[in-house]
Amino acid sequence: MTELTWVKSTYSSGEGGQCIEVATCSHSVHVRDSKDTARSGLAVGPDAWGMFVGYAVEEIR
């Protein structure tokens, strides 16, 4: 597997808040805890990630 490039939300502060990091590749989206990057994360398909993000956006509106 190629090296993943992890991205943290620009809304995340450096004050120890609850944050996740996300990395994408051609066939999956990877999610991990930004405070414990040694712990294994979660990988989901792009369609599942898109449905999750769509749901989350609707919930905050």
C-alpha atoms as a PDB file:
ATOM      1  CA  MET A   1       0.000   0.000   0.000  1.00  0.00           C
ATOM      2  CA  THR A   2       1.252   3.498  -0.768  1.00  0.00           C
ATOM      3  CA  GLU A   3       1.874   6.074   1.924  1.00  0.00           C
ATOM      4  CA  LEU A   4      -1.308   7.905   2.912  1.00  0.00           C
ATOM      5  CA  THR A   5      -1.455  11.676   3.306  1.00  0.00           C
ATOM      6  CA  TRP A   6      -3.481  12.452   6.421  1.00  0.00           C
ATOM      7  CA  VAL A   7      -5.500  15.667   6.710  1.00  0.00           C
ATOM      8  CA  LYS A   8      -7.019  17.168   9.845  1.00  0.00           C
ATOM      9  CA  SER A   9      -9.955  19.564   9.737  1.00  0.00           C
ATOM     10  CA  THR A  10      -9.090  23.255   9.694  1.00  0.00           C
ATOM     11  CA  TYR A  11     -11.676  23.585  12.470  1.00  0.00           C
ATOM     12  CA  SER A  12      -9.459  21.497  14.761  1.00  0.00           C
ATOM     13  CA  SER A  13      -7.474  23.486  17.262  1.00  0.00           C
ATOM     14  CA  GLY A  14      -4.291  22.429  18.997  1.00  0.00           C
ATOM     15  CA  GLU A  15      -6.057  22.424  22.355  1.00  0.00           C
ATOM     16  CA  GLY A  16      -6.652  18.677  22.671  1.00  0.00           C
ATOM     17  CA  GLY A  17     -10.139  18.587  21.200  1.00  0.00           C
ATOM     18  CA  GLN A  18     -11.690  15.435  19.774  1.00  0.00           C
ATOM     19  CA  CYS A  19     -10.409  15.282  16.204  1.00  0.00           C
ATOM     20  CA  ILE A  20     -10.088  12.836  13.384  1.00  0.00           C
ATOM     21  CA  GLU A  21      -7.774  12.713  10.406  1.00  0.00           C
ATOM     22  CA  VAL A  22      -8.808  11.523   6.962  1.00  0.00           C
ATOM     23  CA  ALA A  23      -6.748  10.127   4.083  1.00  0.00           C
ATOM     24  CA  THR A  24      -8.005   8.991   0.702  1.00  0.00           C
ATOM     25  CA  CYS A  25      -6.759   6.663  -1.988  1.00  0.00           C
ATOM     26  CA  SER A  26      -8.370   5.415  -5.176  1.00  0.00           C
ATOM     27  CA  HIS A  27     -10.488   2.717  -3.534  1.00  0.00           C
ATOM     28  CA  SER A  28     -11.048   3.796   0.096  1.00  0.00           C
ATOM     29  CA  VAL A  29     -11.232   6.562   2.662  1.00  0.00           C
ATOM     30  CA  HIS A  30      -9.259   6.079   5.871  1.00  0.00           C
ATOM     31  CA  VAL A  31     -10.188   7.684   9.204  1.00  0.00           C
ATOM     32  CA  ARG A  32      -8.142   7.727  12.422  1.00  0.00           C
ATOM     33  CA  ASP A  33      -7.964   9.430  15.802  1.00  0.00           C
ATOM     34  CA  SER A  34      -5.600  12.397  15.499  1.00  0.00           C
ATOM     35  CA  LYS A  35      -4.507  12.037  19.137  1.00  0.00           C
ATOM     36  CA  ASP A  36      -3.620   8.329  18.811  1.00  0.00           C
ATOM     37  CA  THR A  37      -2.239   7.811  15.320  1.00  0.00           C
ATOM     38  CA  ALA A  38      -0.548   4.531  16.285  1.00  0.00           C
ATOM     39  CA  ARG A  39      -3.952   2.907  16.804  1.00  0.00           C
ATOM     40  CA  SER A  40      -5.464   1.336  13.721  1.00  0.00           C
ATOM     41  CA  GLY A  41      -8.108   3.369  11.959  1.00  0.00           C
ATOM     42  CA  LEU A  42     -11.138   2.640   9.865  1.00  0.00           C
ATOM     43  CA  ALA A  43     -11.306   2.239   6.087  1.00  0.00           C
ATOM     44  CA  VAL A  44     -14.558   2.601   4.159  1.00  0.00           C
ATOM     45  CA  GLY A  45     -15.495   2.767   0.504  1.00  0.00           C
ATOM     46  CA  PRO A  46     -15.916   6.147  -1.184  1.00  0.00           C
ATOM     47  CA  ASP A  47     -19.692   5.684  -1.534  1.00  0.00           C
ATOM     48  CA  ALA A  48     -20.130   4.949   2.179  1.00  0.00           C
ATOM     49  CA  TRP A  49     -17.970   7.956   3.093  1.00  0.00           C
ATOM     50  CA  GLY A  50     -20.010  10.193   0.787  1.00  0.00           C
ATOM     51  CA  MET A  51     -23.259   9.050   2.409  1.00  0.00           C
ATOM     52  CA  PHE A  52     -21.797   9.664   5.896  1.00  0.00           C
ATOM     53  CA  VAL A  53     -20.610  13.176   5.017  1.00  0.00           C
ATOM     54  CA  GLY A  54     -23.943  13.984   3.364  1.00  0.00           C
ATOM     55  CA  TYR A  55     -25.798  12.867   6.492  1.00  0.00           C
ATOM     56  CA  ALA A  56     -23.469  14.837   8.777  1.00  0.00           C
ATOM     57  CA  VAL A  57     -23.903  18.020   6.727  1.00  0.00           C
ATOM     58  CA  GLU A  58     -27.690  17.706   6.858  1.00  0.00           C
ATOM     59  CA  GLU A  59     -27.590  17.193  10.640  1.00  0.00           C
ATOM     60  CA  ILE A  60     -25.720  20.440  11.251  1.00  0.00           C
ATOM     61  CA  ARG A  61     -27.993  22.542   9.052  1.00  0.00           C
END
